[in-house]
């Protein structure tokens, strides 16, 4: 549990984060499900879906590329980490 902090959302509203933790996410990639461990995720009750901050991924050294088909997340070494 953390003392609450505010999260700025895309519509310029503010939501309160009431906790922080780690999660394991299943991501389908090339017909297989990959399990990815993500640390320091904020728990925001107002949100009814999971969101990942692209800027936080970039700060961790990952590469993010969007195109008409979706999004590719790559590691610093060029390996594909996830296709969403």
Protein backbone atom coordinates (compact mmCIF):
# COMPACT_ATOMS: atom_id res chain seq x y z
CA UNK A 1 0.00 0.00 0.00
CA UNK A 2 1.21 3.49 -0.81
CA UNK A 3 -0.01 6.83 0.28
CA UNK A 4 -2.35 7.86 -2.53
CA UNK A 5 -1.03 9.66 -5.58
CA UNK A 6 -2.73 11.20 -8.58
CA UNK A 7 -2.61 9.82 -12.13
CA UNK A 8 -3.32 12.10 -15.10
CA UNK A 9 -5.56 10.45 -17.69
CA UNK A 10 -5.82 11.06 -21.43
CA UNK A 11 -9.00 13.13 -21.06
CA UNK A 12 -7.18 15.52 -18.68
CA UNK A 13 -9.03 14.15 -15.65
CA UNK A 14 -7.24 12.99 -12.50
CA UNK A 15 -7.65 9.57 -10.88
CA UNK A 16 -6.31 8.45 -7.52
CA UNK A 17 -3.88 5.51 -7.32
CA UNK A 18 -4.41 3.67 -4.04
CA UNK A 19 -1.75 0.99 -4.30
CA UNK A 20 1.34 -0.25 -6.09
CA UNK A 21 2.44 -3.76 -6.91
CA UNK A 22 3.69 -6.24 -9.49
CA UNK A 23 1.63 -8.26 -11.95
CA UNK A 24 2.08 -11.04 -14.48
CA UNK A 25 0.34 -10.34 -17.79
CA UNK A 26 -0.41 -12.88 -20.49
CA UNK A 27 0.20 -11.41 -23.95
CA UNK A 28 -0.53 -13.32 -27.14
CA UNK A 29 2.46 -13.15 -29.43
CA UNK A 30 2.83 -15.07 -32.70
CA UNK A 31 0.09 -17.53 -31.72
CA UNK A 32 1.55 -18.25 -28.27
CA UNK A 33 0.86 -16.69 -24.90
CA UNK A 34 3.89 -15.03 -23.32
CA UNK A 35 3.92 -14.15 -19.62
CA UNK A 36 5.42 -10.77 -18.84
CA UNK A 37 6.25 -9.58 -15.32
CA UNK A 38 5.62 -5.86 -14.76
CA UNK A 39 6.77 -4.16 -11.56
CA UNK A 40 5.58 -0.95 -9.89
CA UNK A 41 2.07 -0.96 -11.38
CA UNK A 42 -0.37 1.52 -9.86
CA UNK A 43 -3.83 0.37 -8.73
CA UNK A 44 -6.37 2.96 -9.90
CA UNK A 45 -9.94 2.06 -8.89
CA UNK A 46 -11.52 4.55 -11.32
CA UNK A 47 -10.14 2.63 -14.32
CA UNK A 48 -12.10 -0.38 -15.52
CA UNK A 49 -9.36 -1.67 -17.81
CA UNK A 50 -5.60 -2.08 -17.71
CA UNK A 51 -3.39 0.66 -19.11
CA UNK A 52 0.35 0.72 -19.66
CA UNK A 53 2.29 3.96 -19.89
CA UNK A 54 4.34 4.11 -23.09
CA UNK A 55 6.59 6.78 -21.57
CA UNK A 56 7.36 4.45 -18.63
CA UNK A 57 8.26 1.63 -21.04
CA UNK A 58 10.63 4.01 -22.87
CA UNK A 59 12.22 5.09 -19.58
CA UNK A 60 12.91 1.40 -18.86
CA UNK A 61 14.87 1.16 -22.12
CA UNK A 62 12.19 -0.60 -24.18
CA UNK A 63 11.29 0.46 -27.71
CA UNK A 64 7.64 0.96 -28.72
CA UNK A 65 6.47 1.09 -32.33
CA UNK A 66 2.88 1.67 -33.47
CA UNK A 67 1.45 0.99 -36.91
CA UNK A 68 -1.96 0.32 -38.43
CA UNK A 69 -1.90 -3.29 -37.18
CA UNK A 70 -1.08 -2.58 -33.52
CA UNK A 71 1.96 -2.12 -31.34
CA UNK A 72 5.33 -3.85 -31.03
CA UNK A 73 7.34 -3.60 -27.82
CA UNK A 74 11.02 -4.40 -28.20
CA UNK A 75 13.85 -4.84 -25.75
CA UNK A 76 16.99 -2.71 -25.80
CA UNK A 77 18.77 -5.57 -27.61
CA UNK A 78 16.20 -5.53 -30.45
CA UNK A 79 14.31 -8.67 -29.39
CA UNK A 80 10.52 -8.44 -29.66
CA UNK A 81 9.04 -8.49 -26.16
CA UNK A 82 5.35 -8.17 -27.09
CA UNK A 83 3.06 -7.64 -30.04
CA UNK A 84 -0.26 -6.10 -29.11
